[in-house]
Amino acid sequence: MLASTIPTSATGNCNNPTPVSLPFFFDGQGEHCWEVSGAVSHTNSWNTESLLINGEAFTNRWPNSLPTDADGKLIILYNGRFPWSHFEIVGTK
């Protein structure tokens, strides 16, 4: 169940996120929903159609400042249009 601090409308089709471990890297097409916990240092994406982290837009950005986690987790909704669409999230467990 998603934490109440993440608006349902902002998580799209991310009702059952797949847990992933840090660091996490993904290249490819399609819509994916992940859940990560731990100390995140930064994230990176390019050629993505959309990328939401806890409901905030991070499409094609390289920030080292992320939204506050919800119950210790970040919920990531990725939509890549191309085989070379890319997302990464780096840190420690």
PDB file of N, CA and C in Angstrom:
ATOM      1  N   MET A   1       0.837  -1.173   0.000  1.00  0.00           N
ATOM      2  CA  MET A   1       0.000   0.000   0.000  1.00  0.00           C
ATOM      3  C   MET A   1       0.887   1.244   0.000  1.00  0.00           C
ATOM      4  N   LEU A   2       0.526   2.220  -0.812  1.00  0.00           N
ATOM      5  CA  LEU A   2       1.298   3.450  -0.880  1.00  0.00           C
ATOM      6  C   LEU A   2       1.068   4.277   0.375  1.00  0.00           C
ATOM      7  N   ALA A   3       2.076   4.976   0.757  1.00  0.00           N
ATOM      8  CA  ALA A   3       1.968   5.837   1.937  1.00  0.00           C
ATOM      9  C   ALA A   3       0.982   6.964   1.666  1.00  0.00           C
ATOM     10  N   SER A   4       0.306   7.398   2.690  1.00  0.00           N
ATOM     11  CA  SER A   4      -0.700   8.435   2.535  1.00  0.00           C
ATOM     12  C   SER A   4      -0.110   9.770   2.123  1.00  0.00           C
ATOM     13  N   THR A   5       1.204   9.947   2.247  1.00  0.00           N
ATOM     14  CA  THR A   5       1.821  11.218   1.879  1.00  0.00           C
ATOM     15  C   THR A   5       2.048  11.348   0.377  1.00  0.00           C
ATOM     16  N   ILE A   6       1.831  10.276  -0.388  1.00  0.00           N
ATOM     17  CA  ILE A   6       1.976  10.330  -1.846  1.00  0.00           C
ATOM     18  C   ILE A   6       0.581  10.371  -2.441  1.00  0.00           C
ATOM     19  N   PRO A   7       0.199  11.451  -3.128  1.00  0.00           N
ATOM     20  CA  PRO A   7      -1.144  11.513  -3.699  1.00  0.00           C
ATOM     21  C   PRO A   7      -1.364  10.406  -4.713  1.00  0.00           C
ATOM     22  N   THR A   8      -2.480   9.730  -4.620  1.00  0.00           N
ATOM     23  CA  THR A   8      -2.795   8.629  -5.533  1.00  0.00           C
ATOM     24  C   THR A   8      -2.765   9.089  -6.979  1.00  0.00           C
ATOM     25  N   SER A   9      -3.257  10.279  -7.265  1.00  0.00           N
ATOM     26  CA  SER A   9      -3.269  10.772  -8.639  1.00  0.00           C
ATOM     27  C   SER A   9      -1.856  10.955  -9.184  1.00  0.00           C
ATOM     28  N   ALA A  10      -0.892  11.174  -8.322  1.00  0.00           N
ATOM     29  CA  ALA A  10       0.485  11.399  -8.751  1.00  0.00           C
ATOM     30  C   ALA A  10       1.233  10.103  -9.002  1.00  0.00           C
ATOM     31  N   THR A  11       0.724   8.990  -8.524  1.00  0.00           N
ATOM     32  CA  THR A  11       1.435   7.727  -8.684  1.00  0.00           C
ATOM     33  C   THR A  11       0.960   6.947  -9.904  1.00  0.00           C
ATOM     34  N   GLY A  12      -0.052   7.437 -10.616  1.00  0.00           N
ATOM     35  CA  GLY A  12      -0.500   6.785 -11.836  1.00  0.00           C
ATOM     36  C   GLY A  12      -0.825   5.322 -11.607  1.00  0.00           C
ATOM     37  N   ASN A  13      -0.225   4.456 -12.426  1.00  0.00           N
ATOM     38  CA  ASN A  13      -0.458   3.017 -12.327  1.00  0.00           C
ATOM     39  C   ASN A  13       0.545   2.352 -11.401  1.00  0.00           C
ATOM     40  N   CYS A  14       0.888   2.999 -10.340  1.00  0.00           N
ATOM     41  CA  CYS A  14       1.938   2.516  -9.460  1.00  0.00           C
ATOM     42  C   CYS A  14       1.363   1.998  -8.139  1.00  0.00           C
ATOM     43  N   ASN A  15       0.352   1.154  -8.229  1.00  0.00           N
ATOM     44  CA  ASN A  15      -0.295   0.639  -7.027  1.00  0.00           C
ATOM     45  C   ASN A  15       0.471  -0.516  -6.391  1.00  0.00           C
ATOM     46  N   ASN A  16       1.234  -1.258  -7.175  1.00  0.00           N
ATOM     47  CA  ASN A  16       2.006  -2.398  -6.675  1.00  0.00           C
ATOM     48  C   ASN A  16       3.445  -2.291  -7.159  1.00  0.00           C
ATOM     49  N   PRO A  17       4.211  -1.361  -6.581  1.00  0.00           N
ATOM     50  CA  PRO A  17       5.582  -1.159  -7.058  1.00  0.00           C
ATOM     51  C   PRO A  17       6.475  -2.372  -6.813  1.00  0.00           C
ATOM     52  N   THR A  18       7.408  -2.586  -7.726  1.00  0.00           N
ATOM     53  CA  THR A  18       8.390  -3.649  -7.598  1.00  0.00           C
ATOM     54  C   THR A  18       9.571  -3.132  -6.775  1.00  0.00           C
ATOM     55  N   PRO A  19       9.903  -3.776  -5.665  1.00  0.00           N
ATOM     56  CA  PRO A  19      11.050  -3.327  -4.871  1.00  0.00           C
ATOM     57  C   PRO A  19      12.359  -3.527  -5.644  1.00  0.00           C
ATOM     58  N   VAL A  20      13.228  -2.514  -5.597  1.00  0.00           N
ATOM     59  CA  VAL A  20      14.548  -2.600  -6.209  1.00  0.00           C
ATOM     60  C   VAL A  20      15.575  -2.127  -5.186  1.00  0.00           C
ATOM     61  N   SER A  21      16.815  -2.566  -5.364  1.00  0.00           N
ATOM     62  CA  SER A  21      17.902  -2.214  -4.451  1.00  0.00           C
ATOM     63  C   SER A  21      18.790  -1.144  -5.061  1.00  0.00           C
ATOM     64  N   LEU A  22      19.402  -0.360  -4.215  1.00  0.00           N
ATOM     65  CA  LEU A  22      20.367   0.648  -4.639  1.00  0.00           C
ATOM     66  C   LEU A  22      21.734   0.023  -4.830  1.00  0.00           C
ATOM     67  N   PRO A  23      22.495   0.437  -5.806  1.00  0.00           N
ATOM     68  CA  PRO A  23      22.115   1.324  -6.890  1.00  0.00           C
ATOM     69  C   PRO A  23      21.245   0.576  -7.893  1.00  0.00           C
ATOM     70  N   PHE A  24      20.407   1.318  -8.613  1.00  0.00           N
ATOM     71  CA  PHE A  24      19.498   0.726  -9.589  1.00  0.00           C
ATOM     72  C   PHE A  24      19.621   1.480 -10.902  1.00  0.00           C
ATOM     73  N   PHE A  25      19.757   0.733 -11.998  1.00  0.00           N
ATOM     74  CA  PHE A  25      19.889   1.290 -13.341  1.00  0.00           C
ATOM     75  C   PHE A  25      18.907   0.578 -14.251  1.00  0.00           C
ATOM     76  N   PHE A  26      18.257   1.327 -15.153  1.00  0.00           N
ATOM     77  CA  PHE A  26      17.323   0.724 -16.098  1.00  0.00           C
ATOM     78  C   PHE A  26      17.406   1.451 -17.425  1.00  0.00           C
ATOM     79  N   ASP A  27      17.439   0.680 -18.518  1.00  0.00           N
ATOM     80  CA  ASP A  27      17.370   1.200 -19.874  1.00  0.00           C
ATOM     81  C   ASP A  27      16.240   0.480 -20.587  1.00  0.00           C
ATOM     82  N   GLY A  28      15.355   1.229 -21.261  1.00  0.00           N
ATOM     83  CA  GLY A  28      14.337   0.561 -22.050  1.00  0.00           C
ATOM     84  C   GLY A  28      13.027   1.296 -22.145  1.00  0.00           C
ATOM     85  N   GLN A  29      12.128   0.660 -22.897  1.00  0.00           N
ATOM     86  CA  GLN A  29      10.800   1.186 -23.164  1.00  0.00           C
ATOM     87  C   GLN A  29       9.806   0.680 -22.124  1.00  0.00           C
ATOM     88  N   GLY A  30       8.671   1.375 -22.069  1.00  0.00           N
ATOM     89  CA  GLY A  30       7.548   0.902 -21.277  1.00  0.00           C
ATOM     90  C   GLY A  30       7.332   1.701 -20.007  1.00  0.00           C
ATOM     91  N   GLU A  31       6.246   1.346 -19.332  1.00  0.00           N
ATOM     92  CA  GLU A  31       5.916   1.972 -18.061  1.00  0.00           C
ATOM     93  C   GLU A  31       6.237   0.988 -16.951  1.00  0.00           C
ATOM     94  N   HIS A  32       6.986   1.462 -15.960  1.00  0.00           N
ATOM     95  CA  HIS A  32       7.421   0.614 -14.852  1.00  0.00           C
ATOM     96  C   HIS A  32       7.206   1.355 -13.544  1.00  0.00           C
ATOM     97  N   CYS A  33       7.008   0.585 -12.503  1.00  0.00           N
ATOM     98  CA  CYS A  33       6.773   1.143 -11.182  1.00  0.00           C
ATOM     99  C   CYS A  33       7.700   0.445 -10.192  1.00  0.00           C
ATOM    100  N   TRP A  34       8.559   1.235  -9.530  1.00  0.00           N
ATOM    101  CA  TRP A  34       9.533   0.676  -8.593  1.00  0.00           C
ATOM    102  C   TRP A  34       9.415   1.347  -7.231  1.00  0.00           C
ATOM    103  N   GLU A  35       9.935   0.657  -6.236  1.00  0.00           N
ATOM    104  CA  GLU A  35      10.002   1.175  -4.874  1.00  0.00           C
ATOM    105  C   GLU A  35      11.424   0.969  -4.378  1.00  0.00           C
ATOM    106  N   VAL A  36      12.014   2.020  -3.833  1.00  0.00           N
ATOM    107  CA  VAL A  36      13.382   1.929  -3.334  1.00  0.00           C
ATOM    108  C   VAL A  36      13.435   2.557  -1.944  1.00  0.00           C
ATOM    109  N   SER A  37      14.280   1.987  -1.107  1.00  0.00           N
ATOM    110  CA  SER A  37      14.502   2.581   0.210  1.00  0.00           C
ATOM    111  C   SER A  37      16.005   2.653   0.436  1.00  0.00           C
ATOM    112  N   GLY A  38      16.411   3.537   1.280  1.00  0.00           N
ATOM    113  CA  GLY A  38      17.824   3.716   1.562  1.00  0.00           C
ATOM    114  C   GLY A  38      18.225   5.159   1.370  1.00  0.00           C
ATOM    115  N   ALA A  39      19.500   5.409   1.577  1.00  0.00           N
ATOM    116  CA  ALA A  39      20.040   6.765   1.451  1.00  0.00           C
ATOM    117  C   ALA A  39      20.399   7.026  -0.005  1.00  0.00           C
ATOM    118  N   VAL A  40      19.570   7.782  -0.696  1.00  0.00           N
ATOM    119  CA  VAL A  40      19.781   8.092  -2.110  1.00  0.00           C
ATOM    120  C   VAL A  40      20.671   9.321  -2.224  1.00  0.00           C
ATOM    121  N   SER A  41      21.728   9.206  -3.030  1.00  0.00           N
ATOM    122  CA  SER A  41      22.615  10.352  -3.233  1.00  0.00           C
ATOM    123  C   SER A  41      22.189  11.176  -4.441  1.00  0.00           C
ATOM    124  N   HIS A  42      21.753  10.517  -5.523  1.00  0.00           N
ATOM    125  CA  HIS A  42      21.294  11.251  -6.697  1.00  0.00           C
ATOM    126  C   HIS A  42      20.539  10.318  -7.650  1.00  0.00           C
ATOM    127  N   THR A  43      19.906  10.934  -8.614  1.00  0.00           N
ATOM    128  CA  THR A  43      19.193  10.212  -9.660  1.00  0.00           C
ATOM    129  C   THR A  43      19.530  10.855 -10.999  1.00  0.00           C
ATOM    130  N   ASN A  44      19.274  10.144 -12.074  1.00  0.00           N
ATOM    131  CA  ASN A  44      19.607  10.617 -13.400  1.00  0.00           C
ATOM    132  C   ASN A  44      18.644   9.964 -14.384  1.00  0.00           C
ATOM    133  N   SER A  45      18.166  10.728 -15.357  1.00  0.00           N
ATOM    134  CA  SER A  45      17.328  10.136 -16.404  1.00  0.00           C
ATOM    135  C   SER A  45      17.514  10.906 -17.698  1.00  0.00           C
ATOM    136  N   TRP A  46      17.346  10.198 -18.820  1.00  0.00           N
ATOM    137  CA  TRP A  46      17.352  10.859 -20.116  1.00  0.00           C
ATOM    138  C   TRP A  46      16.494  10.071 -21.084  1.00  0.00           C
ATOM    139  N   ASN A  47      15.961  10.795 -22.060  1.00  0.00           N
ATOM    140  CA  ASN A  47      15.061  10.245 -23.073  1.00  0.00           C
ATOM    141  C   ASN A  47      13.858   9.535 -22.475  1.00  0.00           C
ATOM    142  N   THR A  48      13.398  10.003 -21.318  1.00  0.00           N
ATOM    143  CA  THR A  48      12.194   9.432 -20.722  1.00  0.00           C
ATOM    144  C   THR A  48      10.986  10.271 -21.113  1.00  0.00           C
ATOM    145  N   GLU A  49       9.861   9.616 -21.258  1.00  0.00           N
ATOM    146  CA  GLU A  49       8.603  10.303 -21.526  1.00  0.00           C
ATOM    147  C   GLU A  49       8.127  11.001 -20.256  1.00  0.00           C
ATOM    148  N   SER A  50       8.245  10.292 -19.138  1.00  0.00           N
ATOM    149  CA  SER A  50       7.932  10.879 -17.837  1.00  0.00           C
ATOM    150  C   SER A  50       8.612  10.071 -16.741  1.00  0.00           C
ATOM    151  N   LEU A  51       8.905  10.742 -15.651  1.00  0.00           N
ATOM    152  CA  LEU A  51       9.495  10.106 -14.486  1.00  0.00           C
ATOM    153  C   LEU A  51       8.977  10.836 -13.250  1.00  0.00           C
ATOM    154  N   LEU A  52       8.231  10.134 -12.428  1.00  0.00           N
ATOM    155  CA  LEU A  52       7.718  10.693 -11.180  1.00  0.00           C
ATOM    156  C   LEU A  52       8.370   9.968 -10.015  1.00  0.00           C
ATOM    157  N   ILE A  53       8.806  10.733  -9.029  1.00  0.00           N
ATOM    158  CA  ILE A  53       9.339  10.166  -7.793  1.00  0.00           C
ATOM    159  C   ILE A  53       8.506  10.740  -6.666  1.00  0.00           C
ATOM    160  N   ASN A  54       7.783   9.862  -5.985  1.00  0.00           N
ATOM    161  CA  ASN A  54       6.833  10.275  -4.947  1.00  0.00           C
ATOM    162  C   ASN A  54       5.915  11.392  -5.442  1.00  0.00           C
ATOM    163  N   GLY A  55       5.498  11.266  -6.692  1.00  0.00           N
ATOM    164  CA  GLY A  55       4.535  12.193  -7.270  1.00  0.00           C
ATOM    165  C   GLY A  55       5.120  13.467  -7.841  1.00  0.00           C
ATOM    166  N   GLU A  56       6.432  13.689  -7.710  1.00  0.00           N
ATOM    167  CA  GLU A  56       7.068  14.892  -8.251  1.00  0.00           C
ATOM    168  C   GLU A  56       7.777  14.565  -9.564  1.00  0.00           C
ATOM    169  N   ALA A  57       7.707  15.474 -10.513  1.00  0.00           N
ATOM    170  CA  ALA A  57       8.308  15.266 -11.834  1.00  0.00           C
ATOM    171  C   ALA A  57       9.829  15.399 -11.776  1.00  0.00           C
ATOM    172  N   PHE A  58      10.509  14.377 -12.308  1.00  0.00           N
ATOM    173  CA  PHE A  58      11.968  14.373 -12.431  1.00  0.00           C
ATOM    174  C   PHE A  58      12.375  13.924 -13.830  1.00  0.00           C
ATOM    175  N   THR A  59      11.539  14.209 -14.817  1.00  0.00           N
ATOM    176  CA  THR A  59      11.766  13.777 -16.187  1.00  0.00           C
ATOM    177  C   THR A  59      13.019  14.430 -16.755  1.00  0.00           C
ATOM    178  N   ASN A  60      13.948  13.583 -17.197  1.00  0.00           N
ATOM    179  CA  ASN A  60      15.178  14.021 -17.871  1.00  0.00           C
ATOM    180  C   ASN A  60      15.958  15.058 -17.052  1.00  0.00           C
ATOM    181  N   ARG A  61      16.146  14.735 -15.788  1.00  0.00           N
ATOM    182  CA  ARG A  61      16.882  15.621 -14.886  1.00  0.00           C
ATOM    183  C   ARG A  61      17.978  14.839 -14.171  1.00  0.00           C
ATOM    184  N   TRP A  62      18.903  15.569 -13.567  1.00  0.00           N
ATOM    185  CA  TRP A  62      20.034  14.998 -12.848  1.00  0.00           C
ATOM    186  C   TRP A  62      20.121  15.592 -11.441  1.00  0.00           C
ATOM    187  N   PRO A  63      19.054  15.535 -10.659  1.00  0.00           N
ATOM    188  CA  PRO A  63      19.081  16.191  -9.349  1.00  0.00           C
ATOM    189  C   PRO A  63      19.774  15.348  -8.271  1.00  0.00           C
ATOM    190  N   ASN A  64      20.293  16.023  -7.274  1.00  0.00           N
ATOM    191  CA  ASN A  64      20.782  15.318  -6.098  1.00  0.00           C
ATOM    192  C   ASN A  64      19.889  15.628  -4.901  1.00  0.00           C
ATOM    193  N   SER A  65      18.784  16.324  -5.155  1.00  0.00           N
ATOM    194  CA  SER A  65      17.793  16.623  -4.129  1.00  0.00           C
ATOM    195  C   SER A  65      16.477  15.961  -4.545  1.00  0.00           C
ATOM    196  N   LEU A  66      15.982  15.070  -3.721  1.00  0.00           N
ATOM    197  CA  LEU A  66      14.769  14.316  -4.035  1.00  0.00           C
ATOM    198  C   LEU A  66      13.671  14.641  -3.033  1.00  0.00           C
ATOM    199  N   PRO A  67      12.438  14.268  -3.356  1.00  0.00           N
ATOM    200  CA  PRO A  67      11.364  14.523  -2.408  1.00  0.00           C
ATOM    201  C   PRO A  67      11.566  13.722  -1.120  1.00  0.00           C
ATOM    202  N   THR A  68      10.921  14.149  -0.078  1.00  0.00           N
ATOM    203  CA  THR A  68      10.960  13.423   1.186  1.00  0.00           C
ATOM    204  C   THR A  68      10.388  12.034   0.975  1.00  0.00           C
ATOM    205  N   ASP A  69      11.056  11.039   1.545  1.00  0.00           N
ATOM    206  CA  ASP A  69      10.538   9.684   1.386  1.00  0.00           C
ATOM    207  C   ASP A  69       9.232   9.537   2.161  1.00  0.00           C
ATOM    208  N   ALA A  70       8.464   8.535   1.776  1.00  0.00           N
ATOM    209  CA  ALA A  70       7.202   8.228   2.432  1.00  0.00           C
ATOM    210  C   ALA A  70       7.361   6.885   3.115  1.00  0.00           C
ATOM    211  N   ASP A  71       7.316   6.888   4.419  1.00  0.00           N
ATOM    212  CA  ASP A  71       7.526   5.662   5.198  1.00  0.00           C
ATOM    213  C   ASP A  71       8.856   5.012   4.834  1.00  0.00           C
ATOM    214  N   GLY A  72       9.885   5.823   4.567  1.00  0.00           N
ATOM    215  CA  GLY A  72      11.215   5.327   4.259  1.00  0.00           C
ATOM    216  C   GLY A  72      11.394   4.870   2.828  1.00  0.00           C
ATOM    217  N   LYS A  73      10.419   5.155   1.949  1.00  0.00           N
ATOM    218  CA  LYS A  73      10.486   4.655   0.572  1.00  0.00           C
ATOM    219  C   LYS A  73      10.280   5.772  -0.435  1.00  0.00           C
ATOM    220  N   LEU A  74      10.866   5.576  -1.609  1.00  0.00           N
ATOM    221  CA  LEU A  74      10.587   6.411  -2.766  1.00  0.00           C
ATOM    222  C   LEU A  74       9.856   5.545  -3.779  1.00  0.00           C
ATOM    223  N   ILE A  75       8.753   6.045  -4.298  1.00  0.00           N
ATOM    224  CA  ILE A  75       7.979   5.341  -5.323  1.00  0.00           C
ATOM    225  C   ILE A  75       8.284   6.016  -6.657  1.00  0.00           C
ATOM    226  N   ILE A  76       8.725   5.223  -7.621  1.00  0.00           N
ATOM    227  CA  ILE A  76       9.185   5.737  -8.905  1.00  0.00           C
ATOM    228  C   ILE A  76       8.273   5.213 -10.011  1.00  0.00           C
ATOM    229  N   LEU A  77       7.698   6.115 -10.782  1.00  0.00           N
ATOM    230  CA  LEU A  77       6.892   5.753 -11.943  1.00  0.00           C
ATOM    231  C   LEU A  77       7.643   6.212 -13.181  1.00  0.00           C
ATOM    232  N   TYR A  78       8.107   5.257 -13.967  1.00  0.00           N
ATOM    233  CA  TYR A  78       8.968   5.493 -15.137  1.00  0.00           C
ATOM    234  C   TYR A  78       8.178   5.191 -16.393  1.00  0.00           C
ATOM    235  N   ASN A  79       8.291   6.067 -17.387  1.00  0.00           N
ATOM    236  CA  ASN A  79       7.711   5.810 -18.690  1.00  0.00           C
ATOM    237  C   ASN A  79       8.757   6.168 -19.734  1.00  0.00           C
ATOM    238  N   GLY A  80       9.299   5.137 -20.387  1.00  0.00           N
ATOM    239  CA  GLY A  80      10.312   5.327 -21.415  1.00  0.00           C
ATOM    240  C   GLY A  80       9.756   4.985 -22.779  1.00  0.00           C
ATOM    241  N   ARG A  81      10.008   5.836 -23.728  1.00  0.00           N
ATOM    242  CA  ARG A  81       9.487   5.652 -25.075  1.00  0.00           C
ATOM    243  C   ARG A  81      10.460   4.909 -25.995  1.00  0.00           C
ATOM    244  N   PHE A  82      11.744   4.954 -25.654  1.00  0.00           N
ATOM    245  CA  PHE A  82      12.778   4.416 -26.539  1.00  0.00           C
ATOM    246  C   PHE A  82      13.580   3.311 -25.845  1.00  0.00           C
ATOM    247  N   PRO A  83      14.221   2.436 -26.630  1.00  0.00           N
ATOM    248  CA  PRO A  83      15.086   1.427 -26.027  1.00  0.00           C
ATOM    249  C   PRO A  83      16.255   2.061 -25.268  1.00  0.00           C
ATOM    250  N   TRP A  84      16.628   3.295 -25.616  1.00  0.00           N
ATOM    251  CA  TRP A  84      17.735   3.977 -24.959  1.00  0.00           C
ATOM    252  C   TRP A  84      17.262   4.947 -23.863  1.00  0.00           C
ATOM    253  N   SER A  85      15.963   4.929 -23.530  1.00  0.00           N
ATOM    254  CA  SER A  85      15.495   5.705 -22.372  1.00  0.00           C
ATOM    255  C   SER A  85      16.208   5.161 -21.140  1.00  0.00           C
ATOM    256  N   HIS A  86      16.586   6.039 -20.222  1.00  0.00           N
ATOM    257  CA  HIS A  86      17.450   5.620 -19.121  1.00  0.00           C
ATOM    258  C   HIS A  86      17.019   6.249 -17.797  1.00  0.00           C
ATOM    259  N   PHE A  87      17.158   5.450 -16.740  1.00  0.00           N
ATOM    260  CA  PHE A  87      16.932   5.936 -15.374  1.00  0.00           C
ATOM    261  C   PHE A  87      17.946   5.263 -14.461  1.00  0.00           C
ATOM    262  N   GLU A  88      18.472   6.049 -13.517  1.00  0.00           N
ATOM    263  CA  GLU A  88      19.328   5.474 -12.488  1.00  0.00           C
ATOM    264  C   GLU A  88      19.081   6.198 -11.166  1.00  0.00           C
ATOM    265  N   ILE A  89      19.227   5.457 -10.092  1.00  0.00           N
ATOM    266  CA  ILE A  89      19.115   6.014  -8.756  1.00  0.00           C
ATOM    267  C   ILE A  89      20.238   5.387  -7.939  1.00  0.00           C
ATOM    268  N   VAL A  90      21.051   6.234  -7.329  1.00  0.00           N
ATOM    269  CA  VAL A  90      22.287   5.779  -6.688  1.00  0.00           C
ATOM    270  C   VAL A  90      22.297   6.181  -5.222  1.00  0.00           C
ATOM    271  N   GLY A  91      22.865   5.328  -4.418  1.00  0.00           N
ATOM    272  CA  GLY A  91      22.982   5.580  -2.992  1.00  0.00           C
ATOM    273  C   GLY A  91      23.363   4.299  -2.288  1.00  0.00           C
ATOM    274  N   THR A  92      22.988   4.186  -1.036  1.00  0.00           N
ATOM    275  CA  THR A  92      23.266   2.993  -0.261  1.00  0.00           C
ATOM    276  C   THR A  92      21.989   2.457   0.354  1.00  0.00           C
ATOM    277  N   LYS A  93      21.972   1.186   0.670  1.00  0.00           N
ATOM    278  CA  LYS A  93      20.786   0.576   1.270  1.00  0.00           C
ATOM    279  C   LYS A  93      20.541   1.109   2.651  1.00  0.00           C
TER     280      LYS A  93
END
